[in-house]
Protein backbone atom coordinates (compact mmCIF):
# COMPACT_ATOMS: atom_id res chain seq x y z
CA UNK A 1 6.48 -35.52 22.65
CA UNK A 2 6.96 -31.78 22.37
CA UNK A 3 9.94 -32.44 20.11
CA UNK A 4 7.57 -33.52 17.35
CA UNK A 5 6.04 -30.99 14.99
CA UNK A 6 2.92 -33.11 14.48
CA UNK A 7 2.19 -33.22 18.23
CA UNK A 8 2.67 -29.49 18.73
CA UNK A 9 0.59 -28.77 15.62
CA UNK A 10 -2.25 -30.85 17.05
CA UNK A 11 -2.06 -28.96 20.35
CA UNK A 12 -2.08 -25.67 18.44
CA UNK A 13 -5.30 -26.63 16.62
CA UNK A 14 -7.03 -27.73 19.83
CA UNK A 15 -5.92 -24.66 21.77
CA UNK A 16 -6.97 -22.23 19.03
CA UNK A 17 -10.38 -23.91 18.83
CA UNK A 18 -10.84 -23.67 22.60
CA UNK A 19 -9.83 -20.01 22.63
CA UNK A 20 -12.09 -19.04 19.73
CA UNK A 21 -15.08 -21.06 20.95
CA UNK A 22 -14.97 -20.27 24.67
CA UNK A 23 -13.58 -16.77 24.72
CA UNK A 24 -15.19 -15.82 21.42
CA UNK A 25 -18.65 -15.84 23.00
CA UNK A 26 -17.46 -13.60 25.82
CA UNK A 27 -15.94 -11.13 23.40
CA UNK A 28 -19.13 -11.07 21.33
CA UNK A 29 -21.18 -10.25 24.45
CA UNK A 30 -18.65 -7.57 25.40
CA UNK A 31 -18.87 -6.00 21.93
CA UNK A 32 -22.68 -6.02 22.17
CA UNK A 33 -22.58 -4.21 25.50
CA UNK A 34 -20.22 -1.62 24.06
CA UNK A 35 -22.52 -1.34 21.02
CA UNK A 36 -19.66 -2.14 18.67
CA UNK A 37 -22.04 -2.92 15.82
CA UNK A 38 -21.71 -3.03 12.06
CA UNK A 39 -23.08 -0.06 10.13
CA UNK A 40 -24.64 -1.45 6.96
CA UNK A 41 -25.11 0.62 3.81
CA UNK A 42 -28.34 -0.28 2.01
CA UNK A 43 -27.36 -1.80 -1.34
CA UNK A 44 -30.71 -3.43 -1.98
CA UNK A 45 -29.49 -6.94 -1.15
CA UNK A 46 -31.88 -9.45 0.41
CA UNK A 47 -31.37 -9.80 4.16
CA UNK A 48 -28.68 -7.13 4.18
CA UNK A 49 -30.28 -4.68 6.59
CA UNK A 50 -30.91 -7.49 9.10
CA UNK A 51 -27.16 -7.45 9.73
CA UNK A 52 -27.31 -3.89 11.02
CA UNK A 53 -25.84 -3.73 14.51
CA UNK A 54 -24.16 -7.16 14.42
CA UNK A 55 -20.96 -6.92 16.51
CA UNK A 56 -17.83 -6.33 14.45
CA UNK A 57 -14.08 -6.33 15.21
CA UNK A 58 -14.40 -10.08 15.79
CA UNK A 59 -11.03 -10.43 14.11
CA UNK A 60 -9.65 -10.00 17.63
CA UNK A 61 -10.91 -13.54 18.31
CA UNK A 62 -8.98 -14.86 15.32
CA UNK A 63 -5.80 -12.98 16.22
CA UNK A 64 -5.87 -14.20 19.81
CA UNK A 65 -6.55 -17.78 18.74
CA UNK A 66 -3.57 -17.65 16.36
CA UNK A 67 -1.03 -15.83 18.49
CA UNK A 68 -1.51 -17.57 21.85
CA UNK A 69 -1.03 -21.19 20.61
CA UNK A 70 1.92 -20.10 18.49
CA UNK A 71 3.60 -18.44 21.48
CA UNK A 72 2.94 -21.56 23.56
CA UNK A 73 4.02 -24.30 21.17
CA UNK A 74 6.30 -22.88 18.45
CA UNK A 75 10.04 -22.24 18.72
CA UNK A 76 10.16 -18.48 19.08
CA UNK A 77 13.79 -18.22 18.00
CA UNK A 78 12.84 -19.53 14.54
CA UNK A 79 13.21 -16.71 11.98
CA UNK A 80 10.11 -17.80 10.06
CA UNK A 81 7.97 -17.77 13.20
CA UNK A 82 9.29 -14.30 14.05
CA UNK A 83 8.40 -12.96 10.59
CA UNK A 84 4.90 -14.43 10.55
CA UNK A 85 4.12 -13.23 14.10
CA UNK A 86 5.21 -9.67 13.24
CA UNK A 87 3.16 -9.82 10.01
CA UNK A 88 0.07 -10.98 11.91
CA UNK A 89 0.28 -8.20 14.50
CA UNK A 90 1.22 -5.60 11.86
CA UNK A 91 -1.79 -6.14 9.61
CA UNK A 92 -4.09 -6.87 12.54
CA UNK A 93 -3.20 -3.45 13.95
CA UNK A 94 -3.92 -1.71 10.64
CA UNK A 95 -7.30 -3.44 10.46
CA UNK A 96 -8.05 -2.61 14.10
CA UNK A 97 -7.37 1.10 13.51
CA UNK A 98 -9.68 1.02 10.49
CA UNK A 99 -12.47 -0.67 12.49
CA UNK A 100 -11.94 1.64 15.46
CA UNK A 101 -12.42 4.72 13.26
CA UNK A 102 -15.56 3.24 11.71
CA UNK A 103 -17.16 2.07 14.96
CA UNK A 104 -16.10 4.53 17.64
CA UNK A 105 -15.57 7.67 15.58
CA UNK A 106 -18.59 6.90 13.39
CA UNK A 107 -16.63 7.54 10.20
CA UNK A 108 -17.87 5.05 7.61
CA UNK A 109 -14.77 5.57 5.46
CA UNK A 110 -12.49 4.25 8.18
CA UNK A 111 -8.74 4.50 7.78
CA UNK A 112 -7.83 6.31 4.57
CA UNK A 113 -6.94 3.90 1.76
CA UNK A 114 -3.51 5.45 1.29
CA UNK A 115 -2.59 4.64 4.90
CA UNK A 116 -3.74 1.03 4.48
CA UNK A 117 -1.61 0.68 1.37
CA UNK A 118 1.30 2.36 3.13
CA UNK A 119 1.04 -0.17 5.96
CA UNK A 120 0.92 -3.08 3.52
CA UNK A 121 3.89 -1.71 1.58
CA UNK A 122 5.80 -1.28 4.84
CA UNK A 123 5.18 -4.91 5.73
CA UNK A 124 6.27 -5.96 2.25
CA UNK A 125 9.53 -4.06 2.64
CA UNK A 126 10.12 -5.66 6.05
CA UNK A 127 9.43 -9.20 4.83
CA UNK A 128 11.38 -8.74 1.60
CA UNK A 129 14.45 -7.25 3.26
CA UNK A 130 14.44 -9.83 6.05
CA UNK A 131 14.25 -12.73 3.62
CA UNK A 132 16.91 -11.19 1.42
CA UNK A 133 19.37 -10.24 4.17
CA UNK A 134 18.90 -12.73 7.01
CA UNK A 135 21.54 -15.45 7.18
CA UNK A 136 18.98 -17.74 8.83
CA UNK A 137 16.82 -17.88 5.69
CA UNK A 138 18.48 -20.37 3.38
CA UNK A 139 17.70 -23.30 1.12
CA UNK A 140 19.48 -26.53 0.31
CA UNK A 141 19.91 -26.68 -3.45
CA UNK A 142 19.64 -29.84 -5.47
CA UNK A 143 22.95 -31.61 -5.61
CA UNK A 144 24.97 -32.40 -8.70
CA UNK A 145 25.77 -36.05 -9.39
CA UNK A 146 29.08 -35.68 -7.58
CA UNK A 147 27.40 -34.15 -4.52
CA UNK A 148 24.76 -36.81 -3.93
CA UNK A 149 25.69 -38.23 -0.57
CA UNK A 150 24.30 -40.35 2.20
CA UNK A 151 23.19 -38.18 5.06
CA UNK A 152 22.74 -39.15 8.67
CA UNK A 153 20.84 -35.93 9.33
CA UNK A 154 18.18 -36.41 11.98
CA UNK A 155 14.67 -36.44 10.59
CA UNK A 156 12.41 -34.86 13.20
CA UNK A 157 9.24 -36.76 12.48
CA UNK A 158 10.43 -40.27 11.66
CA UNK A 159 13.35 -42.50 12.62
CA UNK A 160 14.53 -42.97 9.07
CA UNK A 161 18.23 -43.44 9.70
CA UNK A 162 20.45 -42.59 6.77
CA UNK A 163 18.75 -40.95 3.83
CA UNK A 164 20.21 -40.84 0.35
CA UNK A 165 19.09 -37.43 -0.87
CA UNK A 166 19.42 -35.04 -3.74
CA UNK A 167 20.48 -31.93 -1.83
CA UNK A 168 23.80 -30.20 -1.50
CA UNK A 169 25.23 -30.51 2.05
CA UNK A 170 25.65 -26.73 2.24
CA UNK A 171 22.80 -24.29 2.90
CA UNK A 172 22.89 -21.18 0.70
CA UNK A 173 21.20 -17.79 0.41
CA UNK A 174 18.92 -17.70 -2.59
CA UNK A 175 16.12 -15.75 -4.26
CA UNK A 176 14.79 -18.84 -5.97
CA UNK A 177 11.13 -19.70 -5.98
CA UNK A 178 8.94 -22.51 -7.34
CA UNK A 179 7.12 -22.55 -10.68
CA UNK A 180 4.07 -24.83 -10.67
CA UNK A 181 3.52 -27.52 -13.33
CA UNK A 182 7.15 -27.34 -14.53
CA UNK A 183 9.82 -30.05 -14.25
CA UNK A 184 12.95 -28.85 -12.40
CA UNK A 185 10.72 -26.01 -11.32
CA UNK A 186 13.04 -23.63 -9.50
CA UNK A 187 13.21 -20.06 -10.78
CA UNK A 188 15.58 -17.30 -9.63
CA UNK A 189 14.31 -13.72 -9.68
CA UNK A 190 17.85 -12.54 -10.47
CA UNK A 191 17.39 -13.77 -14.04
CA UNK A 192 15.55 -10.51 -14.79
CA UNK A 193 18.80 -8.59 -14.19
CA UNK A 194 21.19 -10.59 -16.32
CA UNK A 195 21.46 -7.66 -18.68
CA UNK A 196 23.41 -5.79 -15.98
CA UNK A 197 26.39 -8.10 -16.55
CA UNK A 198 28.79 -9.51 -13.94
CA UNK A 199 27.60 -9.22 -10.34
CA UNK A 200 23.97 -8.73 -11.33
CA UNK A 201 22.82 -11.05 -8.51
CA UNK A 202 23.58 -8.43 -5.83
CA UNK A 203 20.82 -6.21 -7.25
CA UNK A 204 18.12 -8.90 -7.07
CA UNK A 205 16.44 -7.10 -4.14
CA UNK A 206 15.26 -4.47 -6.66
CA UNK A 207 13.05 -7.17 -8.18
CA UNK A 208 12.34 -9.34 -5.15
CA UNK A 209 11.07 -6.71 -2.71
CA UNK A 210 8.54 -5.09 -5.12
CA UNK A 211 7.17 -8.56 -5.91
CA UNK A 212 6.76 -9.27 -2.19
CA UNK A 213 4.97 -5.92 -1.72
CA UNK A 214 2.63 -6.63 -4.64
CA UNK A 215 1.72 -10.11 -3.39
CA UNK A 216 1.06 -9.01 0.20
CA UNK A 217 -1.04 -6.04 -0.89
CA UNK A 218 -3.06 -8.02 -3.44
CA UNK A 219 -3.84 -11.03 -1.23
CA UNK A 220 -4.58 -8.91 1.84
CA UNK A 221 -7.03 -6.75 -0.10
CA UNK A 222 -8.49 -9.83 -1.80
CA UNK A 223 -9.35 -11.36 1.58
CA UNK A 224 -10.82 -8.01 2.64
CA UNK A 225 -13.08 -7.91 -0.44
CA UNK A 226 -14.12 -11.54 0.07
CA UNK A 227 -15.36 -10.72 3.58
CA UNK A 228 -18.80 -9.68 2.42
CA UNK A 229 -20.94 -12.70 3.28
CA UNK A 230 -21.31 -14.68 6.48
CA UNK A 231 -18.46 -17.18 6.77
CA UNK A 232 -17.10 -16.65 3.26
CA UNK A 233 -13.65 -15.23 4.02
CA UNK A 234 -13.25 -17.35 7.17
CA UNK A 235 -14.01 -20.70 5.53
CA UNK A 236 -12.01 -19.90 2.40
CA UNK A 237 -9.00 -18.95 4.53
CA UNK A 238 -9.27 -22.21 6.50
CA UNK A 239 -9.17 -24.23 3.26
CA UNK A 240 -6.12 -22.29 2.08
CA UNK A 241 -4.50 -22.74 5.50
CA UNK A 242 -4.78 -26.55 5.36
CA UNK A 243 -3.07 -26.53 1.97
CA UNK A 244 -0.26 -24.29 3.20
CA UNK A 245 0.23 -26.61 6.19
CA UNK A 246 0.91 -29.48 3.80
CA UNK A 247 3.45 -27.41 1.86
CA UNK A 248 5.17 -26.24 5.05
CA UNK A 249 5.46 -29.81 6.33
CA UNK A 250 6.95 -31.31 3.17
CA UNK A 251 9.18 -28.32 2.39
CA UNK A 252 10.76 -28.38 5.86
CA UNK A 253 11.31 -32.14 6.00
CA UNK A 254 14.37 -33.39 4.09
CA UNK A 255 12.88 -36.85 3.56
CA UNK A 256 9.65 -35.65 1.95
CA UNK A 257 11.41 -32.89 0.02
CA UNK A 258 13.74 -35.56 -1.37
CA UNK A 259 10.90 -37.95 -2.20
CA UNK A 260 8.81 -35.25 -3.90
CA UNK A 261 11.88 -33.68 -5.54
CA UNK A 262 10.97 -30.19 -4.28
CA UNK A 263 12.97 -27.37 -2.75
CA UNK A 264 14.15 -28.16 0.78
CA UNK A 265 13.90 -25.13 3.07
CA UNK A 266 15.40 -25.86 6.51
CA UNK A 267 13.43 -24.78 9.60
CA UNK A 268 10.15 -24.08 7.76
CA UNK A 269 8.58 -27.13 9.38
CA UNK A 270 8.07 -24.98 12.46
CA UNK A 271 5.54 -22.96 10.47
CA UNK A 272 3.19 -25.95 10.64
CA UNK A 273 2.47 -25.02 14.26
CA UNK A 274 1.50 -21.47 13.28
CA UNK A 275 -0.67 -22.46 10.33
CA UNK A 276 -2.37 -25.14 12.44
CA UNK A 277 -3.36 -22.44 14.92
CA UNK A 278 -4.49 -20.33 11.94
CA UNK A 279 -6.80 -23.10 10.68
CA UNK A 280 -8.16 -23.77 14.18
CA UNK A 281 -8.83 -20.06 14.68
CA UNK A 282 -10.70 -19.79 11.37
CA UNK A 283 -12.84 -22.86 12.08
CA UNK A 284 -13.55 -21.71 15.63
CA UNK A 285 -14.53 -18.25 14.43
CA UNK A 286 -16.74 -19.82 11.75
CA UNK A 287 -18.83 -21.24 14.61
CA UNK A 288 -20.08 -17.71 15.27
CA UNK A 289 -19.57 -16.23 11.81
CA UNK A 290 -21.58 -18.81 9.85
CA UNK A 291 -24.98 -17.69 8.51
CA UNK A 292 -26.65 -15.93 10.23
CA UNK A 293 -23.50 -14.35 11.64
CA UNK A 294 -23.35 -13.45 15.33
CA UNK A 295 -20.16 -11.45 14.75
CA UNK A 296 -18.16 -10.02 11.84
CA UNK A 297 -14.38 -10.12 11.73
CA UNK A 298 -14.05 -6.60 10.30
CA UNK A 299 -10.81 -5.41 8.76
CA UNK A 300 -9.07 -6.49 11.98
CA UNK A 301 -9.45 -10.06 10.78
CA UNK A 302 -9.70 -9.88 7.00
CA UNK A 303 -6.55 -7.82 6.36
CA UNK A 304 -4.59 -10.07 8.72
CA UNK A 305 -5.87 -13.30 7.15
CA UNK A 306 -4.90 -12.25 3.64
CA UNK A 307 -1.53 -10.93 4.76
CA UNK A 308 -0.74 -14.12 6.68
CA UNK A 309 -1.51 -16.26 3.64
CA UNK A 310 0.66 -14.07 1.39
CA UNK A 311 3.67 -13.94 3.74
CA UNK A 312 3.39 -17.65 4.46
CA UNK A 313 3.43 -18.56 0.75
CA UNK A 314 6.38 -16.23 0.13
CA UNK A 315 8.43 -17.79 2.92
CA UNK A 316 7.72 -21.27 1.52
CA UNK A 317 8.70 -19.95 -1.94
CA UNK A 318 5.31 -20.98 -3.29
CA UNK A 319 4.05 -17.48 -4.07
CA UNK A 320 3.53 -18.31 -7.76
CA UNK A 321 0.87 -20.81 -6.65
CA UNK A 322 -1.21 -18.04 -5.07
CA UNK A 323 -3.32 -17.37 -8.22
CA UNK A 324 -4.46 -21.00 -8.04
CA UNK A 325 -4.66 -21.54 -4.29
CA UNK A 326 -6.23 -18.12 -3.62
CA UNK A 327 -8.41 -18.22 -6.73
CA UNK A 328 -11.44 -17.00 -4.76
CA UNK A 329 -9.55 -13.93 -3.56
CA UNK A 330 -8.24 -13.36 -7.09
CA UNK A 331 -11.72 -13.55 -8.62
CA UNK A 332 -13.07 -11.08 -6.05
CA UNK A 333 -10.19 -8.69 -6.75
CA UNK A 334 -10.54 -8.96 -10.52
CA UNK A 335 -14.32 -8.48 -10.42
CA UNK A 336 -13.88 -5.13 -8.65
CA UNK A 337 -11.07 -4.02 -10.97
CA UNK A 338 -13.05 -5.00 -14.08
CA UNK A 339 -16.23 -3.36 -12.83
CA UNK A 340 -14.56 -0.06 -11.96
CA UNK A 341 -12.43 0.07 -15.12
CA UNK A 342 -15.33 -0.75 -17.45
CA UNK A 343 -17.62 1.72 -15.70
CA UNK A 344 -15.10 4.55 -16.12
CA UNK A 345 -14.38 3.59 -19.72
CA UNK A 346 -18.03 3.47 -20.78
CA UNK A 347 -18.86 6.69 -18.93
CA UNK A 348 -16.10 8.44 -20.83
CA UNK A 349 -17.06 6.90 -24.17
CA UNK A 350 -20.87 6.83 -23.99
CA UNK A 351 -21.63 9.46 -21.38
CA UNK A 352 -22.98 6.94 -18.90
CA UNK A 353 -21.27 4.18 -16.97
CA UNK A 354 -22.08 0.55 -17.72
CA UNK A 355 -21.41 -2.53 -15.62
CA UNK A 356 -20.13 -6.03 -16.32
CA UNK A 357 -21.59 -7.49 -13.12
CA UNK A 358 -24.80 -6.66 -11.31
CA UNK A 359 -22.57 -5.66 -8.41
CA UNK A 360 -19.00 -6.24 -7.34
CA UNK A 361 -17.29 -7.97 -5.56
CA UNK A 362 -18.34 -11.14 -7.35
CA UNK A 363 -20.34 -12.72 -4.51
CA UNK A 364 -22.78 -9.81 -4.55
CA UNK A 365 -23.41 -10.39 -8.26
CA UNK A 366 -24.70 -13.89 -7.54
CA UNK A 367 -26.78 -12.53 -4.67
CA UNK A 368 -28.51 -10.05 -6.97
CA UNK A 369 -29.32 -12.63 -9.63
CA UNK A 370 -31.29 -14.67 -7.10
CA UNK A 371 -28.99 -17.03 -5.21
CA UNK A 372 -29.36 -17.22 -1.44
CA UNK A 373 -26.37 -16.24 0.68
CA UNK A 374 -25.74 -19.69 2.25
CA UNK A 375 -25.77 -21.36 -1.20
CA UNK A 376 -23.29 -18.82 -2.59
CA UNK A 377 -20.94 -19.30 0.36
CA UNK A 378 -21.13 -23.10 0.19
CA UNK A 379 -20.43 -23.13 -3.54
CA UNK A 380 -17.48 -20.80 -3.09
CA UNK A 381 -16.19 -23.28 -0.48
CA UNK A 382 -16.51 -26.11 -3.01
CA UNK A 383 -14.58 -24.13 -5.59
CA UNK A 384 -11.98 -23.28 -2.94
CA UNK A 385 -11.54 -26.98 -2.09
CA UNK A 386 -11.12 -27.84 -5.78
CA UNK A 387 -8.46 -25.13 -6.14
CA UNK A 388 -6.70 -26.41 -3.01
CA UNK A 389 -6.58 -29.95 -4.43
CA UNK A 390 -5.16 -28.67 -7.72
CA UNK A 391 -2.53 -26.75 -5.74
CA UNK A 392 -1.49 -29.82 -3.76
CA UNK A 393 -1.15 -32.04 -6.81
CA UNK A 394 1.29 -29.58 -8.35
CA UNK A 395 3.74 -31.44 -6.11
CA UNK A 396 3.47 -34.36 -8.55
CA UNK A 397 2.13 -32.92 -11.82
CA UNK A 398 5.18 -31.38 -13.45
């Protein structure tokens, strides 16, 4: 049974839930004893100061509940699993350092922003270069009429026998990605360098790596900004994780990739085990993080969650779907950018700063205009589910 992705994915979910539920409580009690509590700045929000002293750094629960099932049930020689494990530990460590400085050194500023960005950029360079250079990261391109063949390739999940498919028999290196809502929706980043003339494809890394850095930094910070209400970032990440699990399953299975007429990416099916553990960890953590929260994830969790989602989407070549799938993170990011930019502009023009929102990020705006925290979180979940459904149906709406 361990040969089947679906079976191992189910075990990963169950194991991550057990770890987060059983060991989560012990970690929360340990953090309380060590007085690892959240320091809350009074912003005038209802119920805000009641959160003072709530244990933080609970992201350690999430990281443990992701990493342990993945190490137990995934194939650790799979290049995609290696990349996502390194990304998880990398960003988790950056977040842990930030939380450690805030909690134990009593420095509310935490890790300097430039060092956070430097860490995110470093991860982007690692992921971008690995995807660009590794011979294990390939795709099977759509076949021409003369290449359409009958394949006896073994389908891992079903005994389907011979499958007539639309893919070339040869795996190739490629910097192609997927454009949503477009027929024949594969797009190669090298197109931006056509003006260089013959051999322009070898310079594609100059475009690809900066895009990877931008996506990882933006989504990671978006998740961090979203983590401002009990359960908000955790539940939103779980919804996104379920959607990514669907994309990983169909993209790594030649039968479904053929049926849906999408890019077939060999070996990405193994990522279903990781993302299943991710979803289980988020749901298990939500048990303690739901209103009123018994623990906060801190940057240890939020930076890692956003980074995982970004790297995962990039490896599946679905990064252009992130503005839709991660619409909550995007709205939180944009609200802060708009608020800060408009405040600076009006202060320069009128002598005093003006605001678009009552407060940013966006969830605090709704809090200040009278909505209760649980209602805001639940409605954000509903929006997140709607965005996830729209993302999934891009498989067919083209």
